[in-house]
Protein backbone atom coordinates (compact mmCIF):
# COMPACT_ATOMS: atom_id res chain seq x y z
CA MET A 1 1.39 -19.90 36.85
CA ILE A 2 -0.34 -17.95 34.07
CA LEU A 3 -0.23 -14.15 33.83
CA LEU A 4 -2.94 -12.47 31.75
CA LEU A 5 -1.98 -9.07 30.32
CA GLY A 6 -4.69 -6.68 29.17
CA ALA A 7 -7.22 -8.37 31.45
CA SER A 8 -9.54 -5.36 31.50
CA GLY A 9 -9.95 -5.20 27.74
CA PHE A 10 -12.39 -6.75 25.31
CA LEU A 11 -10.58 -10.04 24.63
CA GLY A 12 -8.79 -10.06 27.99
CA SER A 13 -12.06 -10.03 29.94
CA ALA A 14 -13.29 -13.08 27.97
CA VAL A 15 -10.01 -14.93 28.60
CA TYR A 16 -10.28 -14.05 32.29
CA GLU A 17 -13.67 -15.80 32.50
CA LYS A 18 -12.16 -18.92 30.92
CA LEU A 19 -9.16 -18.89 33.26
CA LYS A 20 -11.51 -18.91 36.25
CA VAL A 21 -12.95 -22.17 34.93
CA PHE A 22 -9.85 -24.01 33.67
CA TYR A 23 -7.06 -22.60 35.90
CA PRO A 24 -8.95 -21.26 38.94
CA ASN A 25 -6.00 -21.29 41.33
CA ASN A 26 -3.15 -20.77 38.93
CA PHE A 27 -3.38 -17.37 37.30
CA LYS A 28 -2.85 -13.68 37.91
CA LEU A 29 -4.04 -10.75 35.87
CA THR A 30 -3.02 -7.19 35.19
CA SER A 31 -3.64 -4.28 32.83
CA LEU A 32 -2.94 -0.56 32.55
CA SER A 33 -6.06 0.17 34.62
CA LYS A 34 -4.78 -2.24 37.27
CA GLY A 35 -1.43 -0.46 37.51
CA LEU A 36 1.04 -1.97 35.01
CA ASP A 37 2.23 0.28 32.17
CA LEU A 38 3.63 -2.13 29.59
CA THR A 39 5.23 0.72 27.63
CA ASN A 40 7.61 1.18 30.58
CA LEU A 41 10.41 -1.38 30.16
CA ASN A 42 11.80 -1.26 33.71
CA GLU A 43 8.35 -1.41 35.27
CA THR A 44 7.45 -4.43 33.13
CA ILE A 45 10.70 -6.28 33.88
CA ASN A 46 10.36 -5.67 37.61
CA TYR A 47 6.75 -6.86 37.60
CA PHE A 48 7.59 -10.08 35.72
CA ASN A 49 10.62 -10.78 37.93
CA LYS A 50 8.54 -10.34 41.06
CA LEU A 51 5.73 -12.60 39.86
CA LYS A 52 7.80 -15.21 37.94
CA PRO A 53 4.98 -16.48 35.67
CA ASP A 54 5.46 -19.60 33.54
CA VAL A 55 2.99 -18.56 30.82
CA ILE A 56 2.04 -15.08 29.57
CA ILE A 57 -1.24 -14.55 27.72
CA ASN A 58 -0.80 -11.19 26.02
CA CYS A 59 -4.18 -9.57 25.37
CA ALA A 60 -2.70 -6.08 25.73
CA SER A 61 -2.89 -3.90 22.62
CA PHE A 62 -3.82 -0.40 21.54
CA VAL A 63 -6.32 -0.69 18.70
CA GLY A 64 -9.36 0.82 16.98
CA GLY A 65 -11.40 0.75 13.77
CA ILE A 66 -10.52 2.29 10.39
CA GLN A 67 -11.28 5.90 11.32
CA TYR A 68 -9.47 5.63 14.65
CA GLY A 69 -6.46 4.08 12.92
CA GLU A 70 -6.30 6.85 10.35
CA GLU A 71 -6.46 9.57 13.01
CA HIS A 72 -4.02 7.95 15.46
CA SER A 73 -1.61 6.02 13.22
CA VAL A 74 1.57 7.26 14.95
CA LYS A 75 0.18 6.53 18.40
CA LEU A 76 -0.88 3.04 17.32
CA LEU A 77 2.60 2.30 16.01
CA GLU A 78 4.52 3.69 18.96
CA TYR A 79 2.39 2.35 21.80
CA ASN A 80 2.17 -1.17 20.41
CA LEU A 81 5.86 -1.42 19.60
CA MET A 82 6.83 -0.15 23.06
CA MET A 83 4.52 -2.63 24.76
CA GLU A 84 5.71 -5.55 22.67
CA LEU A 85 9.40 -4.86 23.16
CA SER A 86 8.87 -4.51 26.92
CA ILE A 87 6.97 -7.80 27.06
CA LEU A 88 9.59 -9.69 25.06
CA GLU A 89 12.49 -8.39 27.13
CA ALA A 90 10.65 -9.03 30.42
CA CYS A 91 9.83 -12.59 29.31
CA ARG A 92 13.48 -13.26 28.47
CA ASN A 93 14.72 -11.61 31.66
CA SER A 94 12.38 -13.45 34.02
CA GLY A 95 12.49 -16.90 32.41
CA VAL A 96 8.93 -17.10 31.09
CA LYS A 97 8.40 -20.45 29.33
CA GLN A 98 5.56 -19.53 26.94
CA LEU A 99 4.15 -16.31 25.46
CA ILE A 100 0.73 -16.49 23.75
CA ASN A 101 -0.12 -13.61 21.40
CA PRO A 102 -3.52 -13.04 19.76
CA ILE A 103 -2.83 -11.12 16.53
CA SER A 104 -5.22 -9.42 14.11
CA ASN A 105 -5.48 -10.71 10.54
CA CYS A 106 -4.69 -7.17 9.35
CA ILE A 107 -1.07 -8.42 9.22
CA TYR A 108 -1.92 -10.10 5.90
CA PRO A 109 -1.16 -8.32 2.60
CA GLY A 110 -3.82 -5.80 1.65
CA ASP A 111 -4.52 -7.37 -1.74
CA GLU A 112 -5.16 -10.87 -0.35
CA THR A 113 -8.78 -11.97 0.08
CA PHE A 114 -8.39 -15.53 1.37
CA PHE A 115 -5.82 -15.58 4.15
CA GLU A 116 -3.50 -18.60 4.22
CA GLU A 117 -0.54 -18.65 6.58
CA ASP A 118 2.03 -19.15 3.82
CA LYS A 119 0.90 -15.84 2.22
CA ILE A 120 1.59 -13.65 5.27
CA TRP A 121 4.82 -12.27 3.77
CA SER A 122 3.67 -12.05 0.14
CA GLY A 123 2.82 -8.32 0.00
CA ASP A 124 2.30 -4.97 1.70
CA PHE A 125 -0.30 -4.13 4.34
CA HIS A 126 -3.53 -2.39 3.42
CA ASN A 127 -2.89 1.34 3.84
CA THR A 128 -5.74 1.73 6.37
CA VAL A 129 -4.06 -0.58 8.92
CA GLU A 130 -0.36 -0.17 8.21
CA SER A 131 0.79 1.17 11.59
CA TYR A 132 -1.03 -1.34 13.76
CA ALA A 133 -0.32 -4.26 11.42
CA PHE A 134 3.41 -3.53 11.31
CA ALA A 135 3.64 -3.48 15.08
CA ARG A 136 1.72 -6.73 15.55
CA LYS A 137 3.61 -8.52 12.79
CA MET A 138 6.80 -8.05 14.77
CA PHE A 139 5.68 -10.97 16.95
CA LEU A 140 5.98 -13.30 13.95
CA ILE A 141 9.65 -12.37 13.50
CA ALA A 142 10.18 -12.78 17.24
CA GLN A 143 8.53 -16.22 17.13
CA ARG A 144 10.95 -17.46 14.46
CA ASN A 145 14.02 -16.21 16.29
CA TYR A 146 13.07 -16.85 19.92
CA ASN A 147 11.83 -20.37 19.18
CA LYS A 148 14.86 -21.16 16.97
CA ASN A 149 17.24 -20.10 19.74
CA GLN A 150 15.12 -21.76 22.44
CA VAL A 151 14.74 -18.47 24.27
CA LEU A 152 10.97 -18.69 24.58
CA ASN A 153 8.11 -20.87 23.33
CA MET A 154 6.00 -18.29 21.49
CA THR A 155 2.47 -18.99 20.21
CA ASN A 156 0.96 -16.57 17.68
CA LEU A 157 -2.75 -16.99 16.95
CA ILE A 158 -4.18 -14.88 14.10
CA PHE A 159 -7.79 -13.81 14.59
CA PRO A 160 -10.37 -12.15 12.32
CA ASN A 161 -12.55 -9.31 13.59
CA MET A 162 -14.02 -10.27 16.95
CA TYR A 163 -17.29 -9.21 18.54
CA GLY A 164 -19.22 -9.79 21.73
CA PRO A 165 -19.70 -8.41 25.26
CA ASN A 166 -17.31 -5.65 26.40
CA ASP A 167 -16.47 -4.61 22.84
CA HIS A 168 -16.20 -0.95 21.83
CA PHE A 169 -19.57 0.37 20.67
CA ASP A 170 -18.79 3.75 19.19
CA GLU A 171 -18.30 4.95 15.64
CA LYS A 172 -14.63 5.87 15.87
CA ARG A 173 -13.11 3.21 18.14
CA SER A 174 -15.15 0.14 17.26
CA HIS A 175 -15.00 -2.18 14.30
CA ALA A 176 -17.98 -2.17 11.93
CA LEU A 177 -20.14 -4.65 13.85
CA GLY A 178 -20.05 -2.75 17.15
CA ALA A 179 -20.84 0.55 15.44
CA ILE A 180 -23.74 -1.01 13.52
CA ILE A 181 -25.23 -2.48 16.71
CA LYS A 182 -24.98 0.86 18.49
CA LYS A 183 -26.60 2.80 15.66
CA SER A 184 -29.32 0.19 15.10
CA VAL A 185 -30.25 -0.18 18.78
CA ASP A 186 -30.27 3.58 19.33
CA TYR A 187 -32.47 4.04 16.26
CA LYS A 188 -35.01 1.42 17.32
CA PHE A 189 -35.31 2.14 21.02
CA ASN A 190 -34.95 5.91 20.91
CA LYS A 191 -37.39 6.00 17.99
CA PHE A 192 -35.36 8.28 15.74
CA VAL A 193 -38.05 7.87 13.10
CA ASP A 194 -37.06 10.94 11.09
CA GLU A 195 -33.38 10.07 10.99
CA LYS A 196 -31.22 7.57 9.09
CA ILE A 197 -28.73 4.95 10.11
CA ILE A 198 -25.59 5.95 8.22
CA ILE A 199 -23.10 3.13 7.63
CA TRP A 200 -19.50 3.88 6.61
CA GLY A 201 -18.61 2.93 3.04
CA SER A 202 -20.45 1.02 0.35
CA GLY A 203 -21.36 -2.00 2.48
CA LYS A 204 -19.69 -4.31 -0.06
CA PRO A 205 -16.57 -5.38 1.91
CA VAL A 206 -16.77 -8.91 3.29
CA ARG A 207 -15.52 -9.64 6.79
CA GLU A 208 -15.20 -12.74 8.93
CA TRP A 209 -16.46 -12.41 12.52
CA LEU A 210 -15.45 -14.54 15.51
CA TYR A 211 -17.37 -14.43 18.79
CA VAL A 212 -14.97 -13.35 21.52
CA GLU A 213 -15.70 -16.30 23.84
CA ASP A 214 -14.77 -18.70 21.02
CA ALA A 215 -11.49 -16.81 20.55
CA ALA A 216 -10.81 -17.20 24.28
CA ASP A 217 -11.32 -20.98 23.99
CA TYR A 218 -8.41 -21.23 21.53
CA ILE A 219 -6.17 -19.09 23.69
CA ILE A 220 -6.81 -21.32 26.69
CA ALA A 221 -6.29 -24.45 24.55
CA SER A 222 -2.86 -23.05 23.56
CA VAL A 223 -1.45 -23.14 27.09
CA ASP A 224 1.54 -25.54 27.18
CA LYS A 225 1.02 -26.42 23.51
CA LYS A 226 4.00 -26.27 21.13
CA ILE A 227 3.02 -24.32 18.02
CA SER A 228 6.08 -23.06 16.18
CA GLU A 229 4.25 -21.23 13.39
CA PRO A 230 1.46 -18.61 13.19
CA VAL A 231 -2.01 -20.20 12.99
CA ASN A 232 -5.28 -18.72 11.73
CA ILE A 233 -8.20 -19.01 14.13
CA GLY A 234 -11.62 -18.41 12.59
CA VAL A 235 -14.85 -19.68 11.09
CA GLY A 236 -13.58 -19.67 7.50
CA LYS A 237 -16.43 -17.66 6.00
CA GLY A 238 -17.57 -14.04 5.87
CA ILE A 239 -20.50 -11.70 5.41
CA SER A 240 -20.69 -8.32 3.68
CA ILE A 241 -21.14 -5.20 5.81
CA LYS A 242 -24.44 -4.55 4.02
CA GLU A 243 -25.75 -8.06 4.79
CA LEU A 244 -24.56 -7.74 8.37
CA THR A 245 -26.38 -4.41 8.77
CA PHE A 246 -29.64 -5.85 7.47
CA LEU A 247 -29.22 -8.98 9.64
CA ILE A 248 -28.73 -6.94 12.82
CA ASN A 249 -31.81 -4.86 12.05
CA GLU A 250 -33.79 -8.02 11.26
CA ILE A 251 -32.83 -9.45 14.67
CA LEU A 252 -33.96 -6.17 16.24
CA ASP A 253 -37.18 -6.24 14.18
CA SER A 254 -36.31 -2.71 13.12
CA LYS A 255 -37.57 -0.92 10.01
CA ALA A 256 -34.65 1.49 9.99
CA ASN A 257 -33.82 3.69 7.02
CA ILE A 258 -30.28 2.54 6.21
CA VAL A 259 -27.95 4.69 4.12
CA PHE A 260 -24.39 3.81 3.05
CA ASP A 261 -21.94 6.72 3.00
CA LEU A 262 -19.91 6.17 -0.18
CA LYS A 263 -17.49 8.95 0.75
CA LYS A 264 -16.04 6.87 3.59
CA ASN A 265 -13.21 4.37 3.17
CA ASP A 266 -14.22 0.73 2.68
CA GLY A 267 -10.90 -0.75 3.71
CA ALA A 268 -9.95 -4.12 2.19
CA LYS A 269 -12.55 -5.71 -0.10
CA MET A 270 -12.58 -9.16 1.50
CA LYS A 271 -10.94 -10.78 4.53
CA ILE A 272 -11.62 -14.49 5.02
CA MET A 273 -9.27 -16.96 6.70
CA ASN A 274 -8.24 -20.50 5.87
CA ASN A 275 -8.68 -22.37 9.17
CA SER A 276 -7.33 -25.79 8.15
CA LYS A 277 -4.20 -25.51 10.33
CA MET A 278 -6.42 -24.54 13.26
CA LEU A 279 -8.35 -27.78 12.86
CA ASP A 280 -5.09 -29.77 12.63
CA TYR A 281 -3.70 -28.24 15.84
CA PHE A 282 -6.85 -27.94 17.96
CA LYS A 283 -9.34 -30.48 16.56
CA PHE A 284 -12.38 -28.25 17.18
CA SER A 285 -14.27 -25.43 15.45
CA PRO A 286 -15.72 -22.21 16.91
CA GLN A 287 -18.98 -23.07 18.64
CA THR A 288 -21.04 -19.87 18.35
CA SER A 289 -23.04 -19.18 15.19
CA LEU A 290 -23.21 -15.60 13.91
CA ILE A 291 -26.93 -15.36 14.70
CA ASP A 292 -26.48 -16.59 18.28
CA GLY A 293 -23.42 -14.40 18.80
CA LEU A 294 -25.24 -11.32 17.53
CA LYS A 295 -28.21 -11.98 19.81
CA LYS A 296 -25.92 -12.38 22.84
CA THR A 297 -24.02 -9.23 21.93
CA ILE A 298 -27.14 -7.14 21.32
CA ASN A 299 -28.70 -8.27 24.61
CA TRP A 300 -25.49 -7.44 26.46
CA TYR A 301 -25.48 -3.98 24.88
CA LEU A 302 -29.15 -3.42 25.73
CA ASN A 303 -28.51 -4.35 29.34
CA GLU A 304 -25.34 -2.25 29.51
CA LYS A 305 -27.18 0.82 28.24
CA GLY A 306 -30.14 0.35 30.58
CA TYR A 307 -32.73 -0.64 28.00
CA SER A 308 -35.45 -2.82 29.51
CA SER A 309 -35.94 -4.79 26.27
CA THR A 310 -34.21 -7.98 25.13
CA ILE A 311 -34.38 -9.81 21.82
């Protein structure tokens, strides 16, 4: 039986939809909103022992964009470490056979631009993501030791920035893409003709974006698969924040006045992932193009906010 943690979140809700298709009678789900506090060790152990799952898909995390990370760095570190330690101990205590962890590519050194798995330990984190990255990187150390000692089959999948339905769409909590969609949609449909769309930073940083349903496909494909090393999951190419902003406004057919706030932090200059190991292990590539994914995401946001229009 599969237990999905963080089922109410952005990635967790996409994985939930896939589980209904591929494992319709063989999964359970939980999250903080559904009553399980993963920062509470005893509560987590008791829950796992009662349910006795074979596989854990761990989509539970406490995360946000650059501004949120800077303002809540201690909270990000503490909450994620407490959750992770509880999950690991509960897995060991209850005899879980496999733990699948989606992990952000912020675990890579801050001065790397092309992320290859053998470079994960070659330098320090970027200072804008240090707390969250440190906490998530702990799973890589756990993977080496738990797998080596045959305590637990752990699968660590490293993802780029994700986007899609159920994402955060606010300036502080979201990643760049969600914030850009919110600002661009609000500008166009509320007709803020005398205002500007202000984008954080210079617009020069390049980011890779993976549609959340494609990410969920790889998580589902990992069930019962033996992968003893961290593996990058992504499209292998990126787009600058400036190009992304113009593309979103082109899709919206918006003539927005776009201004880049150079006083705000850009973060890392470039983050693109080598996906060759992904292709070796899984034999398939992400199926959703950036254009199609943006259209689906924008339409979801329009519907969620009660706009009558679609694009």
